[in-house]
Amino acid sequence: MSVKHILDQRRSVRHYDPSHEISPEVLISLIESASKSPNGNNIQATRYLIVDEPGLRKALLPVAFNQAQVVEASALIVMLGDYQAFDANNIMDIHEQAFQAGYMDQALRDYLANAAIGYYANKSREELKLELTRDVSLASMSLILLANEAGYETITMSGYDSAQLKEALQISERYHDVMLIAVGKGLKPGHGTVRHEVSKVIYRNEIQ
């Protein structure tokens, strides 16, 4: 399937076959590909928290306002951004690995690493949160497309209580939660949606 076909045909599915299992190998393969998504300065801040313990899934049901896919989907993934990815040591290590792999020379390694460290150095927590949201969202879209390509249905969820989610899963303030993604075999298709005509969303040179 082409990306265009997937986007034209996909729907947000809310009813899943709870007996269907996605093998760990398949899930890891999907995430491995999604991890190659674009991200700022290649700091690789996206983290994928797979929740597969039935008791935890059940505990998350009221946290996500009783959306059935939380417990019925084959996979539930919490998409997180790691604030520690902005640390200089992480940035330097990634660029050193790129240098060792022959992707850049020493001068470019040092230039890019120092530029990235300087870029994040004076940003506020809110500004860094926005950086994480961008990167995690890009990875999330990639994961959805990959899962759909593999024959699974998906839905993204922002409808949950963030504080309760972090408490239930013992997620520290090191991480920013962006969304939940449910993946599985749908029992019934999602309903169609109406989208704006493209002429309503395209502007040139200025926007009102």
N, C-alpha and C. Protein backbone atom coordinates (compact mmCIF):
# COMPACT_ATOMS: atom_id res chain seq x y z
N MET A 1 0.84 -1.20 0.00
CA MET A 1 0.00 0.00 0.00
C MET A 1 0.87 1.25 0.00
N SER A 2 0.46 2.23 -0.77
CA SER A 2 1.17 3.50 -0.74
C SER A 2 0.76 4.29 0.49
N VAL A 3 1.58 5.25 0.86
CA VAL A 3 1.24 6.13 1.98
C VAL A 3 -0.07 6.86 1.69
N LYS A 4 -0.23 7.31 0.46
CA LYS A 4 -1.46 8.01 0.07
C LYS A 4 -2.68 7.11 0.28
N HIS A 5 -2.58 5.85 -0.12
CA HIS A 5 -3.70 4.93 0.05
C HIS A 5 -4.04 4.73 1.52
N ILE A 6 -3.01 4.57 2.34
CA ILE A 6 -3.25 4.39 3.77
C ILE A 6 -3.96 5.60 4.35
N LEU A 7 -3.50 6.80 4.02
CA LEU A 7 -4.10 8.02 4.56
C LEU A 7 -5.52 8.21 4.06
N ASP A 8 -5.75 7.84 2.81
CA ASP A 8 -7.10 7.99 2.25
C ASP A 8 -8.08 7.00 2.88
N GLN A 9 -7.59 5.82 3.27
CA GLN A 9 -8.49 4.75 3.71
C GLN A 9 -8.57 4.57 5.23
N ARG A 10 -7.55 5.01 5.97
CA ARG A 10 -7.52 4.67 7.40
C ARG A 10 -8.61 5.40 8.18
N ARG A 11 -9.07 4.76 9.23
CA ARG A 11 -10.04 5.33 10.15
C ARG A 11 -9.55 5.06 11.58
N SER A 12 -9.99 5.87 12.49
CA SER A 12 -9.70 5.62 13.90
C SER A 12 -10.65 4.54 14.39
N VAL A 13 -10.10 3.38 14.75
CA VAL A 13 -10.90 2.23 15.14
C VAL A 13 -10.95 2.13 16.66
N ARG A 14 -12.16 1.93 17.18
CA ARG A 14 -12.35 1.90 18.63
C ARG A 14 -12.76 0.53 19.17
N HIS A 15 -13.04 -0.42 18.28
CA HIS A 15 -13.48 -1.75 18.72
C HIS A 15 -12.52 -2.79 18.17
N TYR A 16 -11.87 -3.51 19.08
CA TYR A 16 -10.80 -4.44 18.70
C TYR A 16 -11.09 -5.86 19.18
N ASP A 17 -10.47 -6.81 18.50
CA ASP A 17 -10.56 -8.20 18.90
C ASP A 17 -9.58 -8.43 20.06
N PRO A 18 -10.10 -8.61 21.28
CA PRO A 18 -9.19 -8.75 22.43
C PRO A 18 -8.40 -10.05 22.43
N SER A 19 -8.79 -11.01 21.60
CA SER A 19 -8.07 -12.29 21.55
C SER A 19 -6.89 -12.27 20.59
N HIS A 20 -6.81 -11.22 19.76
CA HIS A 20 -5.73 -11.18 18.78
C HIS A 20 -4.44 -10.68 19.44
N GLU A 21 -3.36 -11.36 19.15
CA GLU A 21 -2.06 -10.96 19.71
C GLU A 21 -1.12 -10.50 18.61
N ILE A 22 -0.38 -9.46 18.90
CA ILE A 22 0.71 -9.02 18.03
C ILE A 22 2.00 -9.51 18.67
N SER A 23 2.80 -10.24 17.92
CA SER A 23 4.02 -10.80 18.50
C SER A 23 4.97 -9.67 18.90
N PRO A 24 5.75 -9.89 19.95
CA PRO A 24 6.74 -8.88 20.35
C PRO A 24 7.69 -8.52 19.23
N GLU A 25 8.03 -9.49 18.38
CA GLU A 25 8.96 -9.24 17.29
C GLU A 25 8.37 -8.26 16.28
N VAL A 26 7.08 -8.44 15.96
CA VAL A 26 6.42 -7.53 15.02
C VAL A 26 6.34 -6.13 15.61
N LEU A 27 5.97 -6.03 16.87
CA LEU A 27 5.84 -4.72 17.51
C LEU A 27 7.19 -4.01 17.56
N ILE A 28 8.22 -4.74 17.91
CA ILE A 28 9.56 -4.15 17.96
C ILE A 28 9.99 -3.69 16.57
N SER A 29 9.66 -4.48 15.55
CA SER A 29 10.01 -4.10 14.18
C SER A 29 9.33 -2.81 13.77
N LEU A 30 8.05 -2.65 14.12
CA LEU A 30 7.32 -1.42 13.80
C LEU A 30 7.96 -0.22 14.50
N ILE A 31 8.30 -0.40 15.76
CA ILE A 31 8.89 0.70 16.53
C ILE A 31 10.29 1.02 16.01
N GLU A 32 11.04 -0.01 15.63
CA GLU A 32 12.38 0.23 15.09
C GLU A 32 12.31 1.11 13.85
N SER A 33 11.35 0.85 12.99
CA SER A 33 11.20 1.68 11.79
C SER A 33 10.71 3.07 12.15
N ALA A 34 9.76 3.17 13.07
CA ALA A 34 9.24 4.48 13.48
C ALA A 34 10.32 5.34 14.11
N SER A 35 11.30 4.69 14.74
CA SER A 35 12.36 5.45 15.41
C SER A 35 13.28 6.17 14.43
N LYS A 36 13.13 5.86 13.15
CA LYS A 36 13.91 6.56 12.13
C LYS A 36 13.21 7.83 11.65
N SER A 37 12.13 8.21 12.29
CA SER A 37 11.39 9.43 11.92
C SER A 37 12.26 10.68 12.12
N PRO A 38 11.95 11.75 11.38
CA PRO A 38 12.68 13.01 11.60
C PRO A 38 12.55 13.47 13.05
N ASN A 39 13.62 14.04 13.56
CA ASN A 39 13.56 14.61 14.92
C ASN A 39 14.63 15.69 15.04
N GLY A 40 14.36 16.67 15.86
CA GLY A 40 15.23 17.83 15.98
C GLY A 40 16.65 17.47 16.39
N ASN A 41 17.62 17.84 15.57
CA ASN A 41 19.04 17.63 15.86
C ASN A 41 19.40 16.17 16.10
N ASN A 42 18.53 15.27 15.69
CA ASN A 42 18.75 13.84 15.87
C ASN A 42 19.05 13.45 17.32
N ILE A 43 18.40 14.15 18.27
CA ILE A 43 18.64 13.82 19.68
C ILE A 43 17.86 12.58 20.12
N GLN A 44 16.91 12.14 19.29
CA GLN A 44 16.21 10.87 19.52
C GLN A 44 15.53 10.81 20.89
N ALA A 45 14.62 11.73 21.11
CA ALA A 45 13.99 11.87 22.42
C ALA A 45 12.75 11.02 22.62
N THR A 46 12.24 10.39 21.57
CA THR A 46 10.99 9.64 21.69
C THR A 46 11.21 8.31 22.41
N ARG A 47 10.30 8.01 23.33
CA ARG A 47 10.32 6.74 24.06
C ARG A 47 8.95 6.07 23.89
N TYR A 48 8.96 4.75 23.76
CA TYR A 48 7.75 3.97 23.50
C TYR A 48 7.51 3.05 24.70
N LEU A 49 6.55 3.37 25.53
CA LEU A 49 6.24 2.55 26.71
C LEU A 49 5.10 1.59 26.35
N ILE A 50 5.45 0.33 26.13
CA ILE A 50 4.46 -0.70 25.80
C ILE A 50 3.83 -1.20 27.09
N VAL A 51 2.51 -1.12 27.17
CA VAL A 51 1.79 -1.58 28.36
C VAL A 51 1.08 -2.87 27.98
N ASP A 52 1.60 -4.02 28.44
CA ASP A 52 1.00 -5.30 28.08
C ASP A 52 0.61 -6.14 29.30
N GLU A 53 0.78 -5.60 30.49
CA GLU A 53 0.36 -6.31 31.70
C GLU A 53 -1.14 -6.07 31.89
N PRO A 54 -1.95 -7.13 31.86
CA PRO A 54 -3.41 -6.96 31.91
C PRO A 54 -3.91 -6.10 33.07
N GLY A 55 -3.30 -6.28 34.23
CA GLY A 55 -3.72 -5.49 35.38
C GLY A 55 -3.50 -4.00 35.18
N LEU A 56 -2.37 -3.65 34.59
CA LEU A 56 -2.09 -2.25 34.31
C LEU A 56 -3.05 -1.69 33.27
N ARG A 57 -3.32 -2.49 32.24
CA ARG A 57 -4.26 -2.04 31.21
C ARG A 57 -5.63 -1.76 31.83
N LYS A 58 -6.06 -2.65 32.71
CA LYS A 58 -7.36 -2.47 33.37
C LYS A 58 -7.35 -1.21 34.25
N ALA A 59 -6.22 -0.97 34.91
CA ALA A 59 -6.11 0.22 35.76
C ALA A 59 -6.15 1.50 34.95
N LEU A 60 -5.72 1.42 33.71
CA LEU A 60 -5.71 2.61 32.86
C LEU A 60 -7.07 2.92 32.25
N LEU A 61 -7.98 1.98 32.32
CA LEU A 61 -9.29 2.19 31.70
C LEU A 61 -10.00 3.44 32.21
N PRO A 62 -10.16 3.61 33.53
CA PRO A 62 -10.79 4.85 34.00
C PRO A 62 -9.93 6.09 33.77
N VAL A 63 -8.62 5.92 33.74
CA VAL A 63 -7.71 7.04 33.47
C VAL A 63 -7.96 7.60 32.07
N ALA A 64 -8.31 6.68 31.14
CA ALA A 64 -8.59 7.08 29.75
C ALA A 64 -10.09 7.16 29.49
N PHE A 65 -10.84 7.50 30.54
CA PHE A 65 -12.28 7.76 30.42
C PHE A 65 -13.02 6.57 29.82
N ASN A 66 -12.57 5.37 30.23
CA ASN A 66 -13.24 4.12 29.89
C ASN A 66 -13.34 3.85 28.39
N GLN A 67 -12.32 4.25 27.65
CA GLN A 67 -12.26 3.92 26.24
C GLN A 67 -11.85 2.45 26.12
N ALA A 68 -12.73 1.65 25.53
CA ALA A 68 -12.57 0.19 25.54
C ALA A 68 -11.28 -0.27 24.89
N GLN A 69 -10.77 0.49 23.92
CA GLN A 69 -9.55 0.05 23.21
C GLN A 69 -8.35 -0.03 24.14
N VAL A 70 -8.41 0.62 25.26
CA VAL A 70 -7.30 0.57 26.22
C VAL A 70 -7.04 -0.87 26.67
N VAL A 71 -8.11 -1.63 26.84
CA VAL A 71 -7.95 -3.02 27.30
C VAL A 71 -8.15 -4.03 26.17
N GLU A 72 -8.82 -3.65 25.10
CA GLU A 72 -9.15 -4.62 24.05
C GLU A 72 -8.13 -4.68 22.91
N ALA A 73 -7.42 -3.60 22.65
CA ALA A 73 -6.46 -3.59 21.54
C ALA A 73 -5.30 -4.53 21.85
N SER A 74 -4.67 -5.02 20.78
CA SER A 74 -3.55 -5.94 20.96
C SER A 74 -2.36 -5.27 21.62
N ALA A 75 -2.16 -4.00 21.32
CA ALA A 75 -1.03 -3.26 21.89
C ALA A 75 -1.48 -1.87 22.32
N LEU A 76 -0.96 -1.45 23.46
CA LEU A 76 -1.18 -0.08 23.93
C LEU A 76 0.19 0.52 24.20
N ILE A 77 0.46 1.64 23.54
CA ILE A 77 1.77 2.26 23.64
C ILE A 77 1.61 3.69 24.12
N VAL A 78 2.34 4.03 25.17
CA VAL A 78 2.38 5.40 25.65
C VAL A 78 3.55 6.08 24.97
N MET A 79 3.26 7.14 24.23
CA MET A 79 4.29 7.86 23.48
C MET A 79 4.83 9.00 24.36
N LEU A 80 6.13 8.91 24.66
CA LEU A 80 6.75 9.82 25.61
C LEU A 80 7.93 10.55 24.99
N GLY A 81 8.20 11.73 25.52
CA GLY A 81 9.41 12.46 25.18
C GLY A 81 10.30 12.53 26.40
N ASP A 82 11.59 12.30 26.21
CA ASP A 82 12.56 12.22 27.31
C ASP A 82 13.33 13.54 27.41
N TYR A 83 13.11 14.28 28.50
CA TYR A 83 13.82 15.55 28.69
C TYR A 83 15.33 15.36 28.76
N GLN A 84 15.79 14.19 29.18
CA GLN A 84 17.23 13.96 29.29
C GLN A 84 17.91 13.88 27.92
N ALA A 85 17.11 13.76 26.87
CA ALA A 85 17.70 13.75 25.52
C ALA A 85 18.36 15.09 25.20
N PHE A 86 17.98 16.15 25.91
CA PHE A 86 18.58 17.46 25.68
C PHE A 86 19.94 17.62 26.36
N ASP A 87 20.31 16.66 27.20
CA ASP A 87 21.58 16.75 27.91
C ASP A 87 22.76 16.73 26.93
N ALA A 88 23.76 17.51 27.25
CA ALA A 88 24.94 17.60 26.38
C ALA A 88 25.58 16.24 26.15
N ASN A 89 25.63 15.40 27.18
CA ASN A 89 26.27 14.09 27.04
C ASN A 89 25.57 13.24 25.99
N ASN A 90 24.23 13.29 25.97
CA ASN A 90 23.49 12.52 24.97
C ASN A 90 23.77 13.04 23.57
N ILE A 91 23.77 14.35 23.42
CA ILE A 91 24.00 14.96 22.11
C ILE A 91 25.40 14.64 21.61
N MET A 92 26.38 14.75 22.49
CA MET A 92 27.75 14.46 22.09
C MET A 92 27.93 12.98 21.73
N ASP A 93 27.29 12.11 22.49
CA ASP A 93 27.42 10.68 22.24
C ASP A 93 26.84 10.30 20.88
N ILE A 94 25.68 10.85 20.55
CA ILE A 94 25.06 10.55 19.26
C ILE A 94 25.94 11.01 18.11
N HIS A 95 26.49 12.21 18.22
CA HIS A 95 27.32 12.72 17.14
C HIS A 95 28.66 11.98 17.06
N GLU A 96 29.14 11.51 18.19
CA GLU A 96 30.35 10.70 18.18
C GLU A 96 30.10 9.37 17.46
N GLN A 97 28.94 8.77 17.70
CA GLN A 97 28.60 7.54 17.01
C GLN A 97 28.51 7.76 15.50
N ALA A 98 27.94 8.90 15.10
CA ALA A 98 27.86 9.21 13.67
C ALA A 98 29.25 9.40 13.07
N PHE A 99 30.15 9.99 13.84
CA PHE A 99 31.53 10.17 13.40
C PHE A 99 32.22 8.81 13.24
N GLN A 100 32.05 7.95 14.23
CA GLN A 100 32.67 6.63 14.19
C GLN A 100 32.12 5.79 13.04
N ALA A 101 30.87 6.03 12.68
CA ALA A 101 30.25 5.29 11.57
C ALA A 101 30.65 5.83 10.21
N GLY A 102 31.37 6.95 10.21
CA GLY A 102 31.83 7.53 8.96
C GLY A 102 30.83 8.44 8.28
N TYR A 103 29.79 8.86 9.01
CA TYR A 103 28.77 9.71 8.42
C TYR A 103 29.18 11.18 8.37
N MET A 104 30.19 11.54 9.13
CA MET A 104 30.65 12.92 9.17
C MET A 104 32.10 12.95 9.64
N ASP A 105 32.79 14.03 9.30
CA ASP A 105 34.16 14.16 9.78
C ASP A 105 34.16 14.83 11.15
N GLN A 106 35.33 14.96 11.74
CA GLN A 106 35.44 15.47 13.10
C GLN A 106 34.95 16.90 13.19
N ALA A 107 35.26 17.70 12.18
CA ALA A 107 34.86 19.11 12.20
C ALA A 107 33.34 19.23 12.20
N LEU A 108 32.67 18.44 11.36
CA LEU A 108 31.21 18.51 11.30
C LEU A 108 30.59 17.95 12.57
N ARG A 109 31.20 16.89 13.11
CA ARG A 109 30.73 16.33 14.39
C ARG A 109 30.71 17.40 15.46
N ASP A 110 31.82 18.10 15.60
CA ASP A 110 31.94 19.11 16.66
C ASP A 110 30.99 20.29 16.41
N TYR A 111 30.89 20.69 15.15
CA TYR A 111 30.03 21.82 14.82
C TYR A 111 28.57 21.50 15.14
N LEU A 112 28.08 20.34 14.67
CA LEU A 112 26.68 19.98 14.88
C LEU A 112 26.37 19.73 16.34
N ALA A 113 27.26 19.08 17.05
CA ALA A 113 27.02 18.79 18.47
C ALA A 113 26.96 20.09 19.27
N ASN A 114 27.92 20.98 19.04
CA ASN A 114 27.96 22.24 19.78
C ASN A 114 26.77 23.13 19.43
N ALA A 115 26.37 23.09 18.16
CA ALA A 115 25.21 23.88 17.74
C ALA A 115 23.94 23.39 18.42
N ALA A 116 23.78 22.08 18.51
CA ALA A 116 22.60 21.51 19.17
C ALA A 116 22.59 21.81 20.66
N ILE A 117 23.74 21.65 21.30
CA ILE A 117 23.83 21.93 22.73
C ILE A 117 23.50 23.40 23.00
N GLY A 118 24.03 24.29 22.18
CA GLY A 118 23.74 25.71 22.34
C GLY A 118 22.29 26.05 22.08
N TYR A 119 21.68 25.36 21.12
CA TYR A 119 20.29 25.62 20.76
C TYR A 119 19.35 25.34 21.93
N TYR A 120 19.60 24.25 22.66
CA TYR A 120 18.71 23.88 23.75
C TYR A 120 19.08 24.51 25.08
N ALA A 121 20.29 25.05 25.20
CA ALA A 121 20.83 25.45 26.50
C ALA A 121 19.95 26.43 27.26
N ASN A 122 19.39 27.41 26.57
CA ASN A 122 18.65 28.47 27.27
C ASN A 122 17.14 28.37 27.09
N LYS A 123 16.67 27.22 26.62
CA LYS A 123 15.24 27.06 26.44
C LYS A 123 14.56 26.74 27.77
N SER A 124 13.37 27.25 27.94
CA SER A 124 12.59 26.99 29.14
C SER A 124 12.01 25.58 29.09
N ARG A 125 11.47 25.13 30.21
CA ARG A 125 10.84 23.80 30.26
C ARG A 125 9.69 23.73 29.25
N GLU A 126 8.93 24.81 29.13
CA GLU A 126 7.81 24.83 28.19
C GLU A 126 8.30 24.76 26.75
N GLU A 127 9.39 25.42 26.46
CA GLU A 127 9.94 25.37 25.10
C GLU A 127 10.47 23.97 24.78
N LEU A 128 11.10 23.34 25.77
CA LEU A 128 11.58 21.98 25.56
C LEU A 128 10.41 21.00 25.41
N LYS A 129 9.34 21.26 26.14
CA LYS A 129 8.13 20.44 26.02
C LYS A 129 7.59 20.49 24.60
N LEU A 130 7.62 21.66 23.99
CA LEU A 130 7.16 21.81 22.61
C LEU A 130 8.06 21.03 21.66
N GLU A 131 9.37 21.07 21.91
CA GLU A 131 10.31 20.30 21.09
C GLU A 131 9.98 18.80 21.18
N LEU A 132 9.73 18.32 22.39
CA LEU A 132 9.40 16.91 22.57
C LEU A 132 8.09 16.56 21.88
N THR A 133 7.11 17.44 22.00
CA THR A 133 5.80 17.18 21.38
C THR A 133 5.94 17.04 19.87
N ARG A 134 6.75 17.89 19.27
CA ARG A 134 6.97 17.81 17.82
C ARG A 134 7.57 16.46 17.44
N ASP A 135 8.66 16.10 18.13
CA ASP A 135 9.39 14.89 17.76
C ASP A 135 8.55 13.63 18.00
N VAL A 136 7.88 13.57 19.14
CA VAL A 136 7.07 12.41 19.46
C VAL A 136 5.88 12.29 18.50
N SER A 137 5.32 13.41 18.09
CA SER A 137 4.20 13.39 17.16
C SER A 137 4.63 12.85 15.80
N LEU A 138 5.81 13.23 15.35
CA LEU A 138 6.32 12.70 14.08
C LEU A 138 6.51 11.19 14.16
N ALA A 139 7.08 10.72 15.25
CA ALA A 139 7.28 9.28 15.43
C ALA A 139 5.95 8.55 15.55
N SER A 140 4.98 9.19 16.18
CA SER A 140 3.66 8.58 16.35
C SER A 140 2.98 8.37 15.01
N MET A 141 3.05 9.38 14.15
CA MET A 141 2.44 9.24 12.82
C MET A 141 3.12 8.14 12.03
N SER A 142 4.43 8.06 12.13
CA SER A 142 5.14 6.98 11.44
C SER A 142 4.70 5.62 11.94
N LEU A 143 4.56 5.49 13.26
CA LEU A 143 4.16 4.21 13.83
C LEU A 143 2.77 3.82 13.37
N ILE A 144 1.87 4.77 13.30
CA ILE A 144 0.51 4.51 12.83
C ILE A 144 0.51 4.03 11.38
N LEU A 145 1.24 4.72 10.52
CA LEU A 145 1.31 4.34 9.11
C LEU A 145 1.91 2.95 8.95
N LEU A 146 2.96 2.67 9.71
CA LEU A 146 3.60 1.36 9.64
C LEU A 146 2.65 0.25 10.11
N ALA A 147 1.92 0.52 11.18
CA ALA A 147 0.97 -0.48 11.69
C ALA A 147 -0.15 -0.72 10.69
N ASN A 148 -0.66 0.35 10.09
CA ASN A 148 -1.71 0.20 9.07
C ASN A 148 -1.19 -0.57 7.86
N GLU A 149 0.05 -0.28 7.46
CA GLU A 149 0.66 -0.99 6.34
C GLU A 149 0.76 -2.48 6.65
N ALA A 150 1.00 -2.82 7.91
CA ALA A 150 1.15 -4.21 8.32
C ALA A 150 -0.20 -4.91 8.51
N GLY A 151 -1.30 -4.19 8.28
CA GLY A 151 -2.61 -4.81 8.36
C GLY A 151 -3.35 -4.61 9.66
N TYR A 152 -2.86 -3.73 10.51
CA TYR A 152 -3.51 -3.47 11.78
C TYR A 152 -4.30 -2.17 11.73
N GLU A 153 -5.27 -2.06 12.64
CA GLU A 153 -5.98 -0.80 12.81
C GLU A 153 -5.37 -0.05 14.00
N THR A 154 -5.61 1.25 14.04
CA THR A 154 -4.99 2.08 15.07
C THR A 154 -5.94 3.19 15.50
N ILE A 155 -5.63 3.75 16.66
CA ILE A 155 -6.27 4.98 17.10
C ILE A 155 -5.31 5.70 18.03
N THR A 156 -5.22 7.01 17.90
CA THR A 156 -4.45 7.81 18.85
C THR A 156 -5.40 8.36 19.90
N MET A 157 -4.88 8.50 21.10
CA MET A 157 -5.72 8.99 22.20
C MET A 157 -5.01 10.09 22.97
N SER A 158 -5.65 11.24 23.01
CA SER A 158 -5.22 12.31 23.91
C SER A 158 -6.20 12.45 25.06
N GLY A 159 -7.29 11.67 24.98
CA GLY A 159 -8.31 11.72 26.02
C GLY A 159 -7.97 10.83 27.20
N TYR A 160 -7.15 11.36 28.08
CA TYR A 160 -6.80 10.66 29.31
C TYR A 160 -6.30 11.69 30.30
N ASP A 161 -6.29 11.32 31.57
CA ASP A 161 -5.79 12.21 32.62
C ASP A 161 -4.29 11.99 32.76
N SER A 162 -3.52 12.99 32.40
CA SER A 162 -2.06 12.86 32.36
C SER A 162 -1.48 12.53 33.74
N ALA A 163 -1.93 13.24 34.76
CA ALA A 163 -1.40 13.02 36.11
C ALA A 163 -1.70 11.60 36.59
N GLN A 164 -2.91 11.12 36.33
CA GLN A 164 -3.28 9.77 36.75
C GLN A 164 -2.53 8.72 35.95
N LEU A 165 -2.30 8.99 34.67
CA LEU A 165 -1.53 8.06 33.85
C LEU A 165 -0.12 7.90 34.41
N LYS A 166 0.50 9.02 34.72
CA LYS A 166 1.87 8.97 35.24
C LYS A 166 1.92 8.27 36.60
N GLU A 167 0.90 8.48 37.39
CA GLU A 167 0.86 7.82 38.70
C GLU A 167 0.67 6.31 38.54
N ALA A 168 -0.24 5.92 37.67
CA ALA A 168 -0.53 4.49 37.49
C ALA A 168 0.66 3.74 36.93
N LEU A 169 1.41 4.38 36.04
CA LEU A 169 2.55 3.72 35.40
C LEU A 169 3.89 4.13 36.00
N GLN A 170 3.84 4.94 37.05
CA GLN A 170 5.05 5.40 37.74
C GLN A 170 6.03 6.06 36.76
N ILE A 171 5.48 6.96 35.96
CA ILE A 171 6.28 7.71 35.00
C ILE A 171 6.77 8.99 35.68
N SER A 172 8.06 9.19 35.70
CA SER A 172 8.63 10.35 36.39
C SER A 172 8.51 11.60 35.55
N GLU A 173 8.83 12.73 36.17
CA GLU A 173 8.77 14.02 35.47
C GLU A 173 9.87 14.15 34.43
N ARG A 174 10.74 13.17 34.34
CA ARG A 174 11.74 13.15 33.27
C ARG A 174 11.07 13.06 31.90
N TYR A 175 9.84 12.53 31.88
CA TYR A 175 9.16 12.27 30.62
C TYR A 175 7.93 13.15 30.43
N HIS A 176 7.71 13.52 29.20
CA HIS A 176 6.49 14.24 28.79
C HIS A 176 5.62 13.29 27.99
N ASP A 177 4.41 13.04 28.48
CA ASP A 177 3.49 12.15 27.75
C ASP A 177 2.77 12.95 26.67
N VAL A 178 2.75 12.40 25.47
CA VAL A 178 2.16 13.10 24.33
C VAL A 178 0.84 12.47 23.91
N MET A 179 0.80 11.15 23.82
CA MET A 179 -0.44 10.47 23.43
C MET A 179 -0.34 8.99 23.72
N LEU A 180 -1.48 8.32 23.63
CA LEU A 180 -1.54 6.86 23.65
C LEU A 180 -1.86 6.40 22.24
N ILE A 181 -1.31 5.24 21.85
CA ILE A 181 -1.65 4.63 20.58
C ILE A 181 -2.09 3.20 20.84
N ALA A 182 -3.29 2.86 20.35
CA ALA A 182 -3.78 1.49 20.42
C ALA A 182 -3.65 0.87 19.03
N VAL A 183 -3.20 -0.38 19.00
CA VAL A 183 -2.97 -1.10 17.74
C VAL A 183 -3.59 -2.49 17.86
N GLY A 184 -4.28 -2.94 16.82
CA GLY A 184 -4.84 -4.28 16.87
C GLY A 184 -5.67 -4.61 15.66
N LYS A 185 -6.45 -5.68 15.77
CA LYS A 185 -7.37 -6.10 14.71
C LYS A 185 -8.76 -5.58 15.04
N GLY A 186 -9.27 -4.73 14.18
CA GLY A 186 -10.56 -4.12 14.44
C GLY A 186 -11.71 -5.10 14.26
N LEU A 187 -12.73 -4.97 15.11
CA LEU A 187 -13.95 -5.76 14.97
C LEU A 187 -14.97 -5.06 14.10
N LYS A 188 -14.92 -3.75 14.06
CA LYS A 188 -15.80 -2.97 13.19
C LYS A 188 -15.02 -1.74 12.74
N PRO A 189 -15.23 -1.32 11.51
CA PRO A 189 -14.46 -0.18 11.00
C PRO A 189 -14.83 1.12 11.70
N GLY A 190 -13.88 2.01 11.72
CA GLY A 190 -14.18 3.34 12.24
C GLY A 190 -15.07 4.09 11.28
N HIS A 191 -15.82 5.06 11.81
CA HIS A 191 -16.72 5.82 10.94
C HIS A 191 -15.94 6.81 10.08
N GLY A 192 -16.54 7.17 8.96
CA GLY A 192 -15.91 8.15 8.09
C GLY A 192 -15.89 9.52 8.73
N THR A 193 -15.06 10.38 8.23
CA THR A 193 -14.96 11.74 8.75
C THR A 193 -15.02 12.73 7.59
N VAL A 194 -15.43 13.94 7.90
CA VAL A 194 -15.47 15.01 6.91
C VAL A 194 -14.24 15.88 7.09
N ARG A 195 -13.54 16.16 6.02
CA ARG A 195 -12.36 17.01 6.07
C ARG A 195 -12.58 18.24 5.20
N HIS A 196 -11.92 19.32 5.56
CA HIS A 196 -12.03 20.55 4.77
C HIS A 196 -11.55 20.31 3.34
N GLU A 197 -12.16 21.00 2.41
CA GLU A 197 -11.60 21.05 1.07
C GLU A 197 -10.19 21.64 1.16
N VAL A 198 -9.30 21.12 0.34
CA VAL A 198 -7.90 21.55 0.42
C VAL A 198 -7.76 23.05 0.21
N SER A 199 -8.66 23.64 -0.55
CA SER A 199 -8.60 25.09 -0.80
C SER A 199 -8.81 25.90 0.47
N LYS A 200 -9.41 25.26 1.50
CA LYS A 200 -9.66 25.97 2.76
C LYS A 200 -8.46 25.93 3.71
N VAL A 201 -7.49 25.09 3.41
CA VAL A 201 -6.37 24.93 4.34
C VAL A 201 -5.03 25.36 3.76
N ILE A 202 -5.02 25.75 2.49
CA ILE A 202 -3.78 26.19 1.85
C ILE A 202 -3.76 27.71 1.74
N TYR A 203 -2.67 28.31 2.15
CA TYR A 203 -2.44 29.75 2.00
C TYR A 203 -1.10 29.97 1.33
N ARG A 204 -0.94 31.11 0.73
CA ARG A 204 0.35 31.42 0.11
C ARG A 204 0.84 32.78 0.61
N ASN A 205 2.02 32.74 1.19
CA ASN A 205 2.75 33.96 1.57
C ASN A 205 2.15 34.72 2.75
N GLU A 206 0.85 34.60 3.00
CA GLU A 206 0.24 35.23 4.16
C GLU A 206 -1.00 34.43 4.55
N ILE A 207 -1.38 34.56 5.82
CA ILE A 207 -2.55 33.85 6.32
C ILE A 207 -3.37 34.77 7.19
N GLN A 208 -4.67 34.68 7.07
CA GLN A 208 -5.54 35.56 7.84
C GLN A 208 -6.33 34.76 8.85
